[in-house]
Amino acid sequence: MKTPKSFRLHIGLFGRRNVGKSSLLNALTQQEVSIVSEIAGTTTDPVEKPMELLPLGPVLFIDTAGIDDVGALGEKRIKKTVGVFDRTDLGIIVSSSHEWGEFEEQILQQLQEREVPVIIVLNKADLQTAKSCMLNSFSVSQLPVVETSVVTNQGISKLRQTILKSAPDDFINRPSIVADLVGPGEAAILVVPIDKEAPKGRLILPQVQSIRDLLDGDSFCMVVKERELREALSRFNKPPKLVVTDSQAFLKVAADTPPDIPLTSFSILFARHQGDLTEMVRGAMAIDQLKAGDRVLIAEACSHHPIGEDIGTVKIPRWLTQYVGGQLQFDHSRGRDFPANVADYKLIIHCGACMWNRREMLSRLIKARQVGVPLTNYGLTIAYSLGIFERALQPFPAALEVYKELQAIK
């Protein structure tokens, strides 16, 4: 089975046109991934290449258009490149030894603002070696530098090693999804409704990833539909450590699960796994500040076509409207489209972002925080609007404590 993109280290290659980014990617992967040409601006849209980079594991290289592109079309290419910053876990700035300047400094600033580790690659070393003063300045800044030549294969092996050394700790020591809440030799019940939007013959990605995470943690699980939960619980001679449900079935599952058994949802698990659970708890509590006429943004990472009682376009707007007691104005964004005017919203409600890497979700949290707009996610919003928020946070003591503290000062 292929590793999902969300579990891969995203490595972005940035630089001016014609500095050899595409050639470097081809050399790193030992494949003809990107088209190479002497004509500047050959790479237009970002080119992705998944591969195994041992001993690190699964990675995703992203080759981008030159940041110095020109013209109306060039501006669109640059916009696509800038969008890659938000999902980059490790940035590689490619330059030639005599061209480091304003463009490269802008890229470095963008990555450092996002706290993304950076590797400097001085390419085309067969034509000109780097000046010692330049190398010294990078050394003072504690930036790793590799001189490379695709023609002679100089530095390619060293660059691979530098990538391994520079990988972020939170990728190498990635938190589990659910296994740490259950423990080895213990059981969880996963409640998986089968509705019109469930993929034919398959489970959705968060459910599959949760099952695998439990198996990796030496736990075991029972998977049931919501109508079968009571019967499933009756078959245990020892209560399960946790019940996890699809957020849309929260009310029924909460009613059928004894209060001494912790309960949460897949979406809330992913608020922790992909984002920042305590910050999203604060975001959910901003629901109490909403009033009729306020603008709310509902954002989804994937771009599926909504049908029937869709959670993002139908159910959440309905539950929030009922909670607020007045009509709200809902806007929707899908995929990587995210409004530039996020400051215009009173609240942002995001999906679990299971299709993304964690860095991209954290980037959206940072953007929202910078303009003072609270951000939460589907599961937390549903639990809050249905009055079972505290119950849904029971497995997460730190997040529950934040909720209780905020409740106390209301």
Protein backbone atom coordinates (compact mmCIF):
# COMPACT_ATOMS: atom_id res chain seq x y z
CA MET A 1 0.00 0.00 0.00
CA LYS A 2 1.36 3.47 -0.89
CA THR A 3 2.20 5.81 1.98
CA PRO A 4 -0.31 8.72 2.04
CA LYS A 5 1.11 12.17 1.25
CA SER A 6 0.12 13.33 4.74
CA PHE A 7 2.68 10.91 6.24
CA ARG A 8 5.57 11.98 3.97
CA LEU A 9 8.23 14.55 4.77
CA HIS A 10 7.57 17.39 2.28
CA ILE A 11 10.84 18.74 0.84
CA GLY A 12 10.47 21.90 -1.25
CA LEU A 13 13.08 23.02 -3.81
CA PHE A 14 13.10 26.80 -4.29
CA GLY A 15 15.21 29.25 -6.26
CA ARG A 16 15.43 31.38 -9.37
CA ARG A 17 14.75 30.13 -12.87
CA ASN A 18 17.43 28.01 -14.46
CA VAL A 19 19.57 27.44 -11.34
CA GLY A 20 19.15 23.69 -11.80
CA LYS A 21 16.34 22.81 -9.37
CA SER A 22 14.81 20.27 -11.74
CA SER A 23 18.19 18.73 -12.62
CA LEU A 24 18.98 18.48 -8.92
CA LEU A 25 15.65 16.73 -8.23
CA ASN A 26 16.33 14.26 -11.04
CA ALA A 27 19.78 13.57 -9.57
CA LEU A 28 18.42 13.10 -6.05
CA THR A 29 15.69 10.71 -7.15
CA GLN A 30 17.79 9.12 -9.92
CA GLN A 31 14.76 9.50 -12.21
CA GLU A 32 13.63 11.90 -14.92
CA VAL A 33 10.96 13.50 -12.73
CA SER A 34 11.09 17.09 -13.99
CA ILE A 35 11.60 18.37 -17.53
CA VAL A 36 15.06 19.92 -17.88
CA SER A 37 15.83 22.63 -20.42
CA GLU A 38 18.23 25.52 -20.96
CA ILE A 39 15.15 27.72 -21.40
CA ALA A 40 14.37 29.63 -18.19
CA GLY A 41 10.96 28.97 -16.70
CA THR A 42 10.51 25.39 -17.95
CA THR A 43 8.91 24.32 -14.64
CA THR A 44 5.46 25.89 -14.38
CA ASP A 45 3.27 24.14 -11.79
CA PRO A 46 4.91 22.46 -8.78
CA VAL A 47 6.09 18.93 -9.64
CA GLU A 48 5.76 16.30 -6.90
CA LYS A 49 7.82 13.14 -6.60
CA PRO A 50 7.17 10.66 -3.76
CA MET A 51 10.01 8.30 -2.91
CA GLU A 52 11.69 6.38 -0.07
CA LEU A 53 14.76 8.18 1.26
CA LEU A 54 16.36 5.63 3.54
CA PRO A 55 16.86 5.53 6.44
CA LEU A 56 14.46 8.47 6.87
CA GLY A 57 11.53 6.80 5.08
CA PRO A 58 8.81 8.19 2.80
CA VAL A 59 9.34 11.73 1.50
CA LEU A 60 7.72 13.99 -1.10
CA PHE A 61 10.01 16.23 -3.17
CA ILE A 62 8.31 19.34 -4.61
CA ASP A 63 10.03 21.12 -7.52
CA THR A 64 8.78 24.70 -7.94
CA ALA A 65 8.80 27.41 -10.59
CA GLY A 66 11.47 30.11 -10.38
CA ILE A 67 10.70 32.77 -7.80
CA ASP A 68 12.04 35.41 -10.23
CA ASP A 69 9.54 34.58 -13.02
CA VAL A 70 8.19 37.52 -15.01
CA GLY A 71 5.02 38.60 -16.80
CA ALA A 72 1.36 37.89 -16.03
CA LEU A 73 1.84 34.14 -16.38
CA GLY A 74 5.00 34.36 -14.28
CA GLU A 75 3.05 35.99 -11.45
CA LYS A 76 0.66 33.04 -11.42
CA ARG A 77 3.59 30.63 -11.32
CA ILE A 78 5.12 32.54 -8.41
CA LYS A 79 1.80 32.39 -6.56
CA LYS A 80 1.83 28.59 -6.93
CA THR A 81 5.39 28.50 -5.63
CA VAL A 82 4.54 30.65 -2.61
CA GLY A 83 1.69 28.25 -1.82
CA VAL A 84 4.25 25.45 -1.46
CA PHE A 85 5.89 27.27 1.48
CA ASP A 86 2.88 26.40 3.64
CA ARG A 87 3.30 22.66 3.18
CA THR A 88 7.08 22.44 3.25
CA ASP A 89 8.64 20.55 6.16
CA LEU A 90 12.19 21.05 4.89
CA GLY A 91 13.24 23.75 2.44
CA ILE A 92 16.12 23.54 -0.05
CA ILE A 93 17.17 26.88 -1.54
CA VAL A 94 19.05 26.28 -4.78
CA SER A 95 21.38 29.00 -6.05
CA SER A 96 24.63 29.33 -7.92
CA SER A 97 27.59 30.63 -5.93
CA HIS A 98 27.59 34.04 -7.65
CA GLU A 99 23.82 34.66 -7.67
CA TRP A 100 22.83 34.68 -3.97
CA GLY A 101 20.90 37.89 -3.43
CA GLU A 102 17.50 39.44 -2.77
CA PHE A 103 15.42 36.59 -4.28
CA GLU A 104 17.19 33.97 -2.18
CA GLU A 105 16.94 36.10 0.97
CA GLN A 106 13.17 36.42 0.42
CA ILE A 107 12.83 32.64 0.17
CA LEU A 108 14.94 32.20 3.31
CA GLN A 109 12.79 34.71 5.17
CA GLN A 110 9.56 33.00 4.11
CA LEU A 111 10.81 29.63 5.35
CA GLN A 112 12.29 30.95 8.59
CA GLU A 113 9.05 32.80 9.42
CA ARG A 114 7.35 29.41 9.27
CA GLU A 115 10.13 27.86 11.39
CA VAL A 116 11.01 25.49 8.55
CA PRO A 117 14.57 24.07 8.55
CA VAL A 118 16.58 25.15 5.51
CA ILE A 119 19.44 23.69 3.45
CA ILE A 120 21.43 25.96 1.12
CA VAL A 121 22.54 24.31 -2.14
CA LEU A 122 25.12 26.12 -4.26
CA ASN A 123 24.63 24.37 -7.57
CA LYS A 124 26.74 24.25 -10.75
CA ALA A 125 29.95 23.88 -8.73
CA ASP A 126 31.65 22.52 -11.86
CA LEU A 127 31.48 26.03 -13.33
CA GLN A 128 32.40 28.13 -10.30
CA THR A 129 33.21 27.36 -6.67
CA ALA A 130 31.64 29.32 -3.84
CA LYS A 131 33.49 32.28 -2.34
CA SER A 132 34.79 31.77 1.19
CA CYS A 133 33.05 34.94 2.43
CA MET A 134 29.68 33.54 1.33
CA LEU A 135 30.34 30.20 3.00
CA ASN A 136 31.41 32.00 6.18
CA SER A 137 28.17 34.01 6.30
CA PHE A 138 26.11 30.82 6.08
CA SER A 139 28.26 29.25 8.78
CA VAL A 140 27.59 32.19 11.11
CA SER A 141 23.86 31.75 10.48
CA GLN A 142 24.25 28.01 11.19
CA LEU A 143 22.73 27.13 7.83
CA PRO A 144 23.91 23.85 6.29
CA VAL A 145 25.49 24.40 2.86
CA VAL A 146 26.17 21.83 0.15
CA GLU A 147 28.01 22.57 -3.11
CA THR A 148 26.65 20.39 -5.93
CA SER A 149 27.11 19.68 -9.60
CA VAL A 150 24.65 17.55 -11.50
CA VAL A 151 27.18 17.24 -14.33
CA THR A 152 29.90 15.65 -12.16
CA ASN A 153 27.56 14.27 -9.44
CA GLN A 154 29.50 16.33 -6.87
CA GLY A 155 27.70 16.79 -3.54
CA ILE A 156 24.59 14.72 -4.38
CA SER A 157 25.38 12.06 -1.78
CA LYS A 158 26.27 14.74 0.77
CA LEU A 159 22.95 16.51 0.08
CA ARG A 160 21.05 13.29 0.81
CA GLN A 161 22.88 12.98 4.13
CA THR A 162 22.20 16.63 4.96
CA ILE A 163 18.49 16.08 4.30
CA LEU A 164 18.51 13.17 6.74
CA LYS A 165 20.26 15.26 9.41
CA SER A 166 17.99 18.29 8.90
CA ALA A 167 14.61 16.51 9.05
CA PRO A 168 12.40 18.12 11.74
CA ASP A 169 12.15 16.27 15.04
CA ASP A 170 8.35 16.38 14.98
CA PHE A 171 8.42 14.39 11.73
CA ILE A 172 10.82 11.75 13.02
CA ASN A 173 9.02 11.56 16.39
CA ARG A 174 5.53 12.09 14.97
CA PRO A 175 2.79 11.73 17.62
CA SER A 176 0.48 8.78 17.25
CA ILE A 177 -3.11 9.20 16.17
CA VAL A 178 -4.82 7.13 18.85
CA ALA A 179 -2.65 4.24 20.07
CA ASP A 180 -1.19 6.23 22.98
CA LEU A 181 -4.74 6.73 24.31
CA VAL A 182 -5.42 2.99 24.29
CA GLY A 183 -2.18 1.19 25.14
CA PRO A 184 -0.69 -2.20 24.27
CA GLY A 185 -3.03 -5.13 24.79
CA GLU A 186 -6.06 -2.86 25.21
CA ALA A 187 -9.05 -2.37 22.94
CA ALA A 188 -10.80 0.50 21.17
CA ILE A 189 -14.16 0.49 19.42
CA LEU A 190 -14.29 2.49 16.20
CA VAL A 191 -17.77 3.57 15.13
CA VAL A 192 -17.93 3.96 11.35
CA PRO A 193 -21.29 5.01 9.86
CA ILE A 194 -21.84 3.99 6.25
CA ASP A 195 -23.60 6.87 4.48
CA LYS A 196 -23.93 8.18 0.92
CA GLU A 197 -20.55 9.92 1.04
CA ALA A 198 -18.64 6.87 2.29
CA PRO A 199 -16.41 5.61 -0.55
CA LYS A 200 -17.78 2.44 -2.15
CA GLY A 201 -16.03 -0.62 -0.77
CA ARG A 202 -13.57 1.42 1.31
CA LEU A 203 -13.18 3.28 4.59
CA ILE A 204 -12.16 6.93 4.66
CA LEU A 205 -8.51 7.76 5.32
CA PRO A 206 -8.74 8.80 9.03
CA GLN A 207 -10.46 5.49 9.84
CA VAL A 208 -7.85 3.44 7.98
CA GLN A 209 -4.99 5.37 9.55
CA SER A 210 -6.47 4.95 13.04
CA ILE A 211 -6.77 1.19 12.59
CA ARG A 212 -3.16 0.96 11.42
CA ASP A 213 -1.99 3.18 14.30
CA LEU A 214 -3.70 0.90 16.83
CA LEU A 215 -2.07 -2.15 15.27
CA ASP A 216 1.35 -0.46 15.32
CA GLY A 217 0.78 0.29 19.02
CA ASP A 218 -0.01 -3.38 19.79
CA SER A 219 -3.63 -2.48 20.56
CA PHE A 220 -6.64 -4.09 18.96
CA CYS A 221 -9.94 -2.69 17.81
CA MET A 222 -13.47 -3.55 16.87
CA VAL A 223 -15.06 -1.67 13.97
CA VAL A 224 -18.85 -1.28 14.02
CA LYS A 225 -21.62 0.87 12.63
CA GLU A 226 -23.46 3.14 15.05
CA ARG A 227 -26.47 0.80 15.27
CA GLU A 228 -24.24 -2.04 16.46
CA LEU A 229 -22.38 -0.22 19.24
CA ARG A 230 -24.54 -1.39 22.17
CA GLU A 231 -24.28 -5.01 21.06
CA ALA A 232 -20.52 -4.64 20.60
CA LEU A 233 -20.08 -3.23 24.11
CA SER A 234 -22.07 -6.10 25.60
CA ARG A 235 -19.59 -8.60 24.18
CA PHE A 236 -16.63 -7.20 26.08
CA ASN A 237 -15.84 -8.85 29.41
CA LYS A 238 -13.53 -5.89 30.04
CA PRO A 239 -14.56 -2.37 28.93
CA PRO A 240 -12.65 -0.91 25.97
CA LYS A 241 -10.23 1.90 26.75
CA LEU A 242 -11.79 4.22 24.17
CA VAL A 243 -14.68 4.66 21.77
CA VAL A 244 -13.99 6.71 18.64
CA THR A 245 -16.85 7.78 16.40
CA ASP A 246 -17.46 9.66 13.21
CA SER A 247 -18.46 13.13 14.43
CA GLN A 248 -21.80 13.01 12.62
CA ALA A 249 -22.92 10.16 14.89
CA PHE A 250 -21.82 11.88 18.11
CA LEU A 251 -25.23 12.11 19.78
CA LYS A 252 -26.25 8.49 19.29
CA VAL A 253 -22.81 7.14 20.17
CA ALA A 254 -22.64 9.34 23.29
CA ALA A 255 -26.04 8.01 24.38
CA ASP A 256 -24.98 4.39 23.86
CA THR A 257 -21.52 4.65 25.45
CA PRO A 258 -21.36 4.33 29.28
CA PRO A 259 -20.01 7.53 30.89
CA ASP A 260 -17.01 5.69 32.39
CA ILE A 261 -15.70 4.83 28.89
CA PRO A 262 -13.82 7.72 27.25
CA LEU A 263 -15.34 8.90 23.96
CA THR A 264 -14.07 11.14 21.16
CA SER A 265 -14.21 11.40 17.37
CA PHE A 266 -11.85 10.77 14.46
CA SER A 267 -11.92 14.48 13.65
CA ILE A 268 -10.83 15.45 17.17
CA LEU A 269 -8.02 12.87 17.03
CA PHE A 270 -6.81 14.62 13.88
CA ALA A 271 -7.08 18.05 15.51
CA ARG A 272 -4.31 16.78 17.77
CA HIS A 273 -2.41 14.74 15.17
CA GLN A 274 -2.42 17.30 12.34
CA GLY A 275 -2.78 20.58 14.20
CA ASP A 276 -2.87 22.02 17.72
CA LEU A 277 -5.72 20.60 19.80
CA THR A 278 -5.61 23.13 22.64
CA GLU A 279 -5.68 26.07 20.22
CA MET A 280 -8.58 24.50 18.33
CA VAL A 281 -10.42 24.01 21.65
CA ARG A 282 -10.11 27.75 22.22
CA GLY A 283 -11.38 28.25 18.68
CA ALA A 284 -14.45 26.10 19.32
CA MET A 285 -15.31 28.12 22.40
CA ALA A 286 -15.52 31.22 20.20
CA ILE A 287 -18.80 29.75 18.93
CA ASP A 288 -20.40 31.38 21.98
CA GLN A 289 -19.37 34.80 20.60
CA LEU A 290 -21.14 34.29 17.27
CA LYS A 291 -24.25 36.27 16.51
CA ALA A 292 -26.65 36.45 13.59
CA GLY A 293 -25.06 37.86 10.45
CA ASP A 294 -21.47 36.90 11.33
CA ARG A 295 -19.30 35.38 8.60
CA VAL A 296 -17.97 31.87 9.13
CA LEU A 297 -15.49 30.13 6.83
CA ILE A 298 -15.74 26.35 6.42
CA ALA A 299 -12.55 24.98 4.90
CA GLU A 300 -11.90 21.49 3.52
CA ALA A 301 -8.50 20.12 2.56
CA CYS A 302 -9.87 17.88 -0.18
CA SER A 303 -12.13 18.92 -3.04
CA HIS A 304 -14.80 16.22 -3.13
CA HIS A 305 -18.19 17.06 -4.61
CA PRO A 306 -20.67 17.38 -1.71
CA ILE A 307 -23.84 15.29 -1.94
CA GLY A 308 -26.89 14.79 0.24
CA GLU A 309 -26.51 15.75 3.90
CA ASP A 310 -22.90 16.87 3.49
CA ILE A 311 -21.21 17.63 6.80
CA GLY A 312 -19.50 20.85 5.69
CA THR A 313 -22.20 22.43 3.55
CA VAL A 314 -25.35 21.20 5.30
CA LYS A 315 -24.97 19.69 8.77
CA ILE A 316 -22.49 22.04 10.44
CA PRO A 317 -24.27 25.18 9.14
CA ARG A 318 -27.57 23.75 10.42
CA TRP A 319 -26.23 22.86 13.88
CA LEU A 320 -24.44 26.21 14.27
CA THR A 321 -27.49 28.18 13.16
CA GLN A 322 -29.58 26.35 15.74
CA TYR A 323 -26.98 26.97 18.44
CA VAL A 324 -26.62 30.68 17.68
CA GLY A 325 -30.33 31.18 17.17
CA GLY A 326 -29.94 33.27 14.03
CA GLN A 327 -28.76 33.06 10.45
CA LEU A 328 -25.00 33.09 9.90
CA GLN A 329 -23.21 33.79 6.64
CA PHE A 330 -21.20 30.73 5.54
CA ASP A 331 -18.43 30.75 2.97
CA HIS A 332 -16.61 27.61 1.79
CA SER A 333 -13.10 26.94 0.53
CA ARG A 334 -11.80 23.62 -0.77
CA GLY A 335 -8.40 22.18 -1.53
CA ARG A 336 -5.50 24.58 -1.23
CA ASP A 337 -7.62 27.64 -2.03
CA PHE A 338 -7.72 29.77 1.13
CA PRO A 339 -9.13 33.30 1.20
CA ALA A 340 -6.66 36.14 1.54
CA ASN A 341 -9.22 38.04 3.62
CA VAL A 342 -9.42 35.61 6.56
CA ALA A 343 -9.57 38.62 8.91
CA ASP A 344 -13.14 39.20 7.68
CA TYR A 345 -14.37 36.05 9.45
CA LYS A 346 -15.46 35.56 13.04
CA LEU A 347 -14.58 31.87 12.96
CA ILE A 348 -12.83 29.35 10.71
CA ILE A 349 -13.96 25.71 10.87
CA HIS A 350 -11.56 23.26 9.23
CA CYS A 351 -11.81 19.60 8.34
CA GLY A 352 -9.35 17.13 9.88
CA ALA A 353 -6.84 17.69 7.03
CA CYS A 354 -6.09 13.97 6.79
CA MET A 355 -4.92 14.42 3.16
CA TRP A 356 -2.27 16.99 4.10
CA ASN A 357 0.95 16.96 6.05
CA ARG A 358 0.89 18.55 9.50
CA ARG A 359 2.95 21.54 8.37
CA GLU A 360 0.22 22.77 6.01
CA MET A 361 -2.45 22.61 8.71
CA LEU A 362 -0.17 24.42 11.18
CA SER A 363 0.44 27.10 8.53
CA ARG A 364 -3.29 27.81 8.39
CA LEU A 365 -3.43 28.00 12.17
CA ILE A 366 -0.60 30.53 12.10
CA LYS A 367 -2.36 32.64 9.43
CA ALA A 368 -5.55 32.69 11.47
CA ARG A 369 -3.68 33.53 14.69
CA GLN A 370 -1.84 36.42 13.02
CA VAL A 371 -5.13 38.19 12.24
CA GLY A 372 -6.85 37.18 15.48
CA VAL A 373 -9.44 34.83 13.97
CA PRO A 374 -10.20 31.67 16.00
CA LEU A 375 -9.86 28.38 14.11
CA THR A 376 -11.33 25.04 15.11
CA ASN A 377 -12.29 21.83 13.31
CA TYR A 378 -15.35 19.82 12.36
CA GLY A 379 -15.40 17.39 15.27
CA LEU A 380 -14.85 20.05 17.93
CA THR A 381 -17.51 22.28 16.35
CA ILE A 382 -20.07 19.46 16.27
CA ALA A 383 -19.35 18.40 19.86
CA TYR A 384 -19.62 22.00 21.08
CA SER A 385 -22.83 22.83 19.23
CA LEU A 386 -24.45 19.56 20.39
CA GLY A 387 -23.54 20.12 24.05
CA ILE A 388 -21.14 17.17 24.48
CA PHE A 389 -17.85 19.07 24.27
CA GLU A 390 -16.51 18.11 27.70
CA ARG A 391 -17.33 14.46 27.09
CA ALA A 392 -15.49 14.50 23.75
CA LEU A 393 -12.37 15.99 25.39
CA GLN A 394 -12.27 13.40 28.17
CA PRO A 395 -9.36 11.44 26.60
CA PHE A 396 -7.22 14.63 26.42
CA PRO A 397 -6.51 15.98 29.95
CA ALA A 398 -4.48 19.02 28.83
CA ALA A 399 -7.13 20.17 26.36
CA LEU A 400 -9.89 19.49 28.88
CA GLU A 401 -8.07 21.61 31.45
CA VAL A 402 -7.88 24.52 28.97
CA TYR A 403 -11.63 24.22 28.38
CA LYS A 404 -12.40 24.23 32.13
CA GLU A 405 -10.14 27.22 32.76
CA LEU A 406 -11.82 29.22 30.00
CA GLN A 407 -15.24 28.20 31.26
CA ALA A 408 -14.34 29.40 34.75
CA ILE A 409 -13.42 32.93 33.59
CA LYS A 410 -16.45 33.39 31.33
